[in-house]
Amino acid sequence: MKMNSELLNKNTAINNNVKLSTKGVDLYYGSFQALRNITLDIPECAITAIIGPSGCGKSSFLRIFNRMNDLITGAKVEGLVELTGINIYDRSIDVVELRKRVGMVFQKPNPFPMSVFENVAFGPRRHGTNNIGELEDTIERSLHQAALWNEVKDKLGQSALSLSGGQQQRLCIARVLAVEPEVILMDEPCSALDPVATLKIEDLMRSLAENYTIVIVTHNMQQAARVSDMAAFLMMEEDRAGALVEYGPTSQIFTNPKDKRTEDYITGRFG
C-alpha cells in the first residue's frame, strides 16, 4: 500500500502504560449478540480510533468503558473490562464516580439549555463544588483546555445554544474536562461539523492527548489517520456480531495492515 504522508509525520512514540483493557468481551442486547470476544489494551495518554462499517458495534464498544450500555434494557456485558487494572463491572464500582473518570462526548453537540457558565459548572456542582471562586477557576481552566475561552469569555452568561455548532461541541468537551476525567470517549464528535470546526476539534484532541486518554469512534478514515496513535478495526461476522479484525499502531493499520479485510476497508473497497 502507498504510504500516507500524514502518517509519516506522526509521532509514533506510544505510551506503554495500559489505561483501558478488554479481555474476551461479549455484549448482548437481550438475545442479540452485538460484540464477540473483543480483547485489546488501550494505552494511556494516546488517541485510539475505533473504525469499521456501520452497524459493526463501534459505538456499543465505546459505551462499554463508562457503562452507558447499562441504561439500555436487556444489555449485558460478559468478559473483563478494566480501567487502570480495576474491573469496572465489579458490583462494588460506583458508576457515578466511573463516569466522572471516563467522560463522554457525543456525535451531536448537546449543550444544556442554560448559560455557557452553567454548562461547564454542571458537573462540578453535581460532585459537590459550590464555591463560586472554585467554579470560576474550573470554568476558565476547562474552557482554556477546550480552546474556547477567548471566544466565550465575554459570553459566559449567554445561552450555550447561541454558540455555533463547533463552539457547542468544544463547550461539551469543556463540560467533560471540568470534572477532571482520566479518559475521554468521543463518538463521532465531528460528524455534524463543517471542515473548519472539524479541524479545530482534531487539533484540540491532539493537545488533550498529552494529558488524557482518548478513544474516538469515527467513520472518517482521513481523520483516523490524522489524529490517532492506535486504530482498532471492527467488522460484523456472519451472525452480525461485531468482532475485532485488527488492532495496532495507526501507521501500521493504514500502511501495512496484516488482514486483507482491513486493507479493503480503509481503501474504500467496502463499508
Protein backbone atom coordinates (compact mmCIF):
# COMPACT_ATOMS: atom_id res chain seq x y z
CA MET A 1 0.00 0.00 0.00
CA LYS A 2 1.12 3.56 -0.60
CA MET A 3 2.48 5.35 2.47
CA ASN A 4 0.18 8.13 3.67
CA SER A 5 2.22 11.34 4.05
CA GLU A 6 0.17 12.34 7.11
CA LEU A 7 1.31 9.19 8.86
CA LEU A 8 4.96 9.76 8.01
CA ASN A 9 4.94 12.92 10.13
CA LYS A 10 3.14 11.43 13.13
CA ASN A 11 4.95 10.91 16.40
CA THR A 12 4.98 7.13 16.65
CA ALA A 13 6.04 7.01 20.31
CA ILE A 14 3.17 5.43 22.20
CA ASN A 15 2.89 5.20 25.96
CA ASN A 16 3.29 1.59 27.07
CA ASN A 17 1.09 2.09 30.14
CA VAL A 18 -2.32 0.45 29.65
CA LYS A 19 -5.23 2.69 30.66
CA LEU A 20 -8.19 0.62 29.45
CA SER A 21 -8.35 -3.04 28.55
CA THR A 22 -10.89 -5.61 27.48
CA LYS A 23 -10.45 -9.36 27.66
CA GLY A 24 -12.89 -11.66 25.87
CA VAL A 25 -15.69 -9.10 25.98
CA ASP A 26 -19.12 -10.04 24.65
CA LEU A 27 -22.04 -7.61 24.57
CA TYR A 28 -25.67 -8.68 24.33
CA TYR A 29 -28.86 -6.69 23.82
CA GLY A 30 -31.34 -9.26 25.03
CA SER A 31 -30.75 -12.38 22.91
CA PHE A 32 -28.87 -10.46 20.20
CA GLN A 33 -25.08 -10.56 20.45
CA ALA A 34 -23.68 -7.18 19.38
CA LEU A 35 -19.98 -7.81 20.13
CA ARG A 36 -17.97 -11.00 20.35
CA ASN A 37 -14.68 -11.75 22.09
CA ILE A 38 -13.10 -8.28 21.98
CA THR A 39 -9.63 -8.26 23.54
CA LEU A 40 -7.36 -5.21 23.37
CA ASP A 41 -5.29 -2.83 25.51
CA ILE A 42 -5.67 0.93 25.11
CA PRO A 43 -2.58 2.97 26.00
CA GLU A 44 -2.54 5.92 28.37
CA CYS A 45 -2.26 9.49 27.01
CA ALA A 46 -2.83 8.48 23.40
CA ILE A 47 -5.67 8.59 20.90
CA THR A 48 -7.19 5.26 19.90
CA ALA A 49 -9.56 5.24 16.92
CA ILE A 50 -12.30 2.64 16.57
CA ILE A 51 -13.13 2.19 12.88
CA GLY A 52 -15.35 -0.13 10.88
CA PRO A 53 -18.52 -0.33 8.77
CA SER A 54 -21.85 0.96 10.05
CA GLY A 55 -23.57 -1.45 12.40
CA CYS A 56 -20.44 -3.33 13.49
CA GLY A 57 -20.76 -2.22 17.12
CA LYS A 58 -18.25 0.65 17.33
CA SER A 59 -20.42 2.91 19.47
CA SER A 60 -21.62 0.00 21.57
CA PHE A 61 -17.99 -0.88 22.24
CA LEU A 62 -17.18 2.71 23.21
CA ARG A 63 -20.07 2.81 25.69
CA ILE A 64 -18.71 -0.26 27.48
CA PHE A 65 -15.98 1.88 29.04
CA ASN A 66 -18.31 4.14 31.02
CA ARG A 67 -21.16 1.65 31.32
CA MET A 68 -23.57 3.69 29.23
CA ASN A 69 -24.98 0.42 27.93
CA ASP A 70 -26.32 -0.16 31.45
CA LEU A 71 -29.04 2.33 30.53
CA ILE A 72 -30.36 0.02 27.78
CA THR A 73 -32.88 -2.58 28.89
CA GLY A 74 -31.56 -6.09 28.39
CA ALA A 75 -27.93 -5.05 27.81
CA LYS A 76 -25.38 -7.45 29.30
CA VAL A 77 -21.58 -7.41 29.19
CA GLU A 78 -19.54 -10.58 29.66
CA GLY A 79 -15.76 -10.74 29.94
CA LEU A 80 -13.38 -8.33 31.65
CA VAL A 81 -13.27 -4.55 31.21
CA GLU A 82 -10.62 -2.74 33.24
CA LEU A 83 -9.67 0.88 33.95
CA THR A 84 -6.10 1.01 35.30
CA GLY A 85 -6.39 -2.63 36.29
CA ILE A 86 -9.75 -2.32 38.07
CA ASN A 87 -12.76 -4.31 36.84
CA ILE A 88 -15.33 -1.60 36.13
CA TYR A 89 -18.19 -4.12 36.08
CA ASP A 90 -17.50 -5.28 39.62
CA ARG A 91 -20.54 -4.85 41.87
CA SER A 92 -18.57 -2.55 44.18
CA ILE A 93 -17.98 0.04 41.44
CA ASP A 94 -19.69 3.43 41.88
CA VAL A 95 -20.97 4.10 38.35
CA VAL A 96 -21.33 7.85 39.00
CA GLU A 97 -17.67 8.03 40.01
CA LEU A 98 -16.72 5.89 36.98
CA ARG A 99 -18.44 8.34 34.62
CA LYS A 100 -16.54 11.16 36.29
CA ARG A 101 -13.28 9.37 35.48
CA VAL A 102 -14.43 8.35 31.98
CA GLY A 103 -16.22 11.23 30.25
CA MET A 104 -18.23 11.08 27.03
CA VAL A 105 -18.61 13.45 24.08
CA PHE A 106 -21.46 12.57 21.74
CA GLN A 107 -21.91 12.74 17.97
CA LYS A 108 -24.19 15.77 18.03
CA PRO A 109 -23.30 18.71 20.29
CA ASN A 110 -25.68 18.58 23.25
CA PRO A 111 -25.22 21.69 25.39
CA PHE A 112 -27.79 22.10 28.13
CA PRO A 113 -30.36 24.92 27.65
CA MET A 114 -28.58 27.16 30.15
CA SER A 115 -25.69 29.62 30.13
CA VAL A 116 -22.18 28.81 28.98
CA PHE A 117 -21.05 29.19 32.60
CA GLU A 118 -23.67 26.82 33.99
CA ASN A 119 -22.98 24.22 31.30
CA VAL A 120 -19.37 23.89 32.42
CA ALA A 121 -20.28 24.25 36.11
CA PHE A 122 -22.88 21.47 35.89
CA GLY A 123 -20.53 18.57 36.61
CA PRO A 124 -18.54 20.20 39.42
CA ARG A 125 -21.80 21.28 41.10
CA ARG A 126 -23.13 17.70 40.94
CA HIS A 127 -19.95 16.49 42.58
CA GLY A 128 -20.24 18.97 45.44
CA THR A 129 -18.35 22.10 44.31
CA ASN A 130 -20.44 25.19 45.02
CA ASN A 131 -17.80 27.75 45.95
CA ILE A 132 -18.10 30.44 43.29
CA GLY A 133 -14.37 31.14 43.24
CA GLU A 134 -13.55 27.46 42.68
CA LEU A 135 -16.20 27.22 39.99
CA GLU A 136 -14.88 30.29 38.18
CA ASP A 137 -11.34 28.85 38.22
CA THR A 138 -12.59 25.47 36.98
CA ILE A 139 -14.64 27.02 34.20
CA GLU A 140 -11.78 29.20 32.97
CA ARG A 141 -9.34 26.27 33.08
CA SER A 142 -11.75 23.94 31.25
CA LEU A 143 -12.59 26.48 28.55
CA HIS A 144 -8.88 27.17 28.02
CA GLN A 145 -8.24 23.43 27.69
CA ALA A 146 -11.08 23.20 25.17
CA ALA A 147 -9.59 26.11 23.17
CA LEU A 148 -12.78 28.08 23.69
CA TRP A 149 -12.00 30.65 26.40
CA ASN A 150 -11.05 33.52 24.09
CA GLU A 151 -14.25 33.07 22.09
CA VAL A 152 -16.69 32.95 25.01
CA LYS A 153 -15.03 34.75 27.94
CA ASP A 154 -17.36 37.72 27.39
CA LYS A 155 -20.40 35.47 26.78
CA LEU A 156 -20.40 33.29 29.90
CA GLY A 157 -23.88 34.46 30.86
CA GLN A 158 -25.34 33.85 27.40
CA SER A 159 -27.22 30.74 26.40
CA ALA A 160 -24.96 27.94 25.20
CA LEU A 161 -27.48 27.37 22.41
CA SER A 162 -26.42 30.70 20.86
CA LEU A 163 -22.96 29.31 20.04
CA SER A 164 -22.02 27.84 16.67
CA GLY A 165 -22.02 24.07 16.21
CA GLY A 166 -18.25 23.81 16.54
CA GLN A 167 -18.26 26.02 19.62
CA GLN A 168 -21.04 23.93 21.15
CA GLN A 169 -19.00 20.76 20.66
CA ARG A 170 -15.94 22.33 22.28
CA LEU A 171 -18.20 23.50 25.11
CA CYS A 172 -19.33 19.90 25.59
CA ILE A 173 -15.66 18.89 25.75
CA ALA A 174 -15.06 21.64 28.34
CA ARG A 175 -18.01 20.29 30.33
CA VAL A 176 -16.35 16.87 30.41
CA LEU A 177 -12.97 18.37 31.33
CA ALA A 178 -14.47 20.32 34.23
CA VAL A 179 -14.78 17.15 36.34
CA GLU A 180 -11.14 16.22 35.65
CA PRO A 181 -11.58 12.85 33.92
CA GLU A 182 -8.79 10.43 33.07
CA VAL A 183 -10.38 9.18 29.84
CA ILE A 184 -12.45 10.99 27.19
CA LEU A 185 -14.68 8.91 24.91
CA MET A 186 -15.73 10.59 21.66
CA ASP A 187 -18.47 9.11 19.49
CA GLU A 188 -18.04 10.65 16.01
CA PRO A 189 -17.55 14.11 17.54
CA CYS A 190 -17.05 15.85 14.18
CA SER A 191 -19.73 14.22 12.04
CA ALA A 192 -22.14 17.15 12.45
CA LEU A 193 -19.48 19.84 11.95
CA ASP A 194 -18.07 21.69 8.95
CA PRO A 195 -14.41 21.21 7.89
CA VAL A 196 -13.13 24.27 9.76
CA ALA A 197 -14.80 23.25 13.02
CA THR A 198 -13.63 19.66 12.47
CA LEU A 199 -10.01 20.79 12.19
CA LYS A 200 -10.31 22.71 15.46
CA ILE A 201 -11.66 19.63 17.24
CA GLU A 202 -8.87 17.47 15.78
CA ASP A 203 -6.21 19.97 16.89
CA LEU A 204 -7.84 20.01 20.31
CA MET A 205 -7.76 16.21 20.54
CA ARG A 206 -4.03 16.13 19.80
CA SER A 207 -3.44 18.73 22.50
CA LEU A 208 -5.60 16.92 25.07
CA ALA A 209 -3.86 13.60 24.41
CA GLU A 210 -0.80 14.97 26.19
CA ASN A 211 -2.72 14.57 29.46
CA TYR A 212 -5.78 12.42 28.71
CA THR A 213 -6.51 9.03 27.21
CA ILE A 214 -8.87 9.50 24.24
CA VAL A 215 -10.91 6.85 22.45
CA ILE A 216 -12.73 8.02 19.33
CA VAL A 217 -15.24 6.33 17.04
CA THR A 218 -15.03 7.71 13.52
CA HIS A 219 -16.25 6.81 10.02
CA ASN A 220 -13.73 9.26 8.55
CA MET A 221 -10.61 7.33 7.57
CA GLN A 222 -8.63 10.51 6.92
CA GLN A 223 -9.50 11.72 10.40
CA ALA A 224 -8.43 8.45 11.99
CA ALA A 225 -5.14 8.65 10.09
CA ARG A 226 -4.59 12.28 11.11
CA VAL A 227 -5.33 12.15 14.81
CA SER A 228 -4.96 8.64 16.21
CA ASP A 229 -1.97 6.77 17.58
CA MET A 230 -3.68 3.37 17.64
CA ALA A 231 -6.50 2.00 15.50
CA ALA A 232 -8.90 -0.90 16.00
CA PHE A 233 -10.86 -2.25 13.03
CA LEU A 234 -14.18 -3.91 13.88
CA MET A 235 -16.35 -5.82 11.43
CA MET A 236 -19.58 -7.78 11.57
CA GLU A 237 -19.37 -11.55 11.48
CA GLU A 238 -21.94 -13.61 9.60
CA ASP A 239 -24.34 -13.60 12.56
CA ARG A 240 -23.99 -9.79 12.75
CA ALA A 241 -21.93 -9.77 15.95
CA GLY A 242 -19.11 -7.21 15.84
CA ALA A 243 -15.62 -8.66 16.14
CA LEU A 244 -12.11 -7.21 16.26
CA VAL A 245 -10.31 -7.88 12.98
CA GLU A 246 -7.08 -5.99 13.61
CA TYR A 247 -5.57 -3.63 16.19
CA GLY A 248 -2.25 -1.84 16.24
CA PRO A 249 -0.42 1.45 15.68
CA THR A 250 -2.29 3.63 13.20
CA SER A 251 0.76 3.84 10.95
CA GLN A 252 0.76 0.05 10.61
CA ILE A 253 -3.01 -0.33 10.20
CA PHE A 254 -3.14 2.28 7.44
CA THR A 255 0.05 1.47 5.56
CA ASN A 256 0.79 -2.19 6.20
CA PRO A 257 -2.31 -3.97 7.56
CA LYS A 258 -1.98 -7.66 8.35
CA ASP A 259 -5.53 -8.58 7.34
CA LYS A 260 -6.81 -8.07 3.80
CA ARG A 261 -10.23 -7.08 5.17
CA THR A 262 -8.58 -4.13 6.90
CA GLU A 263 -6.89 -3.04 3.68
CA ASP A 264 -10.13 -3.39 1.73
CA TYR A 265 -11.99 -1.23 4.25
CA ILE A 266 -9.53 1.61 4.62
CA THR A 267 -9.03 1.81 0.84
CA GLY A 268 -12.79 2.07 0.30
CA ARG A 269 -13.41 -1.29 -1.33
CA PHE A 270 -16.31 -1.88 1.06
CA GLY A 271 -18.03 -0.22 4.01
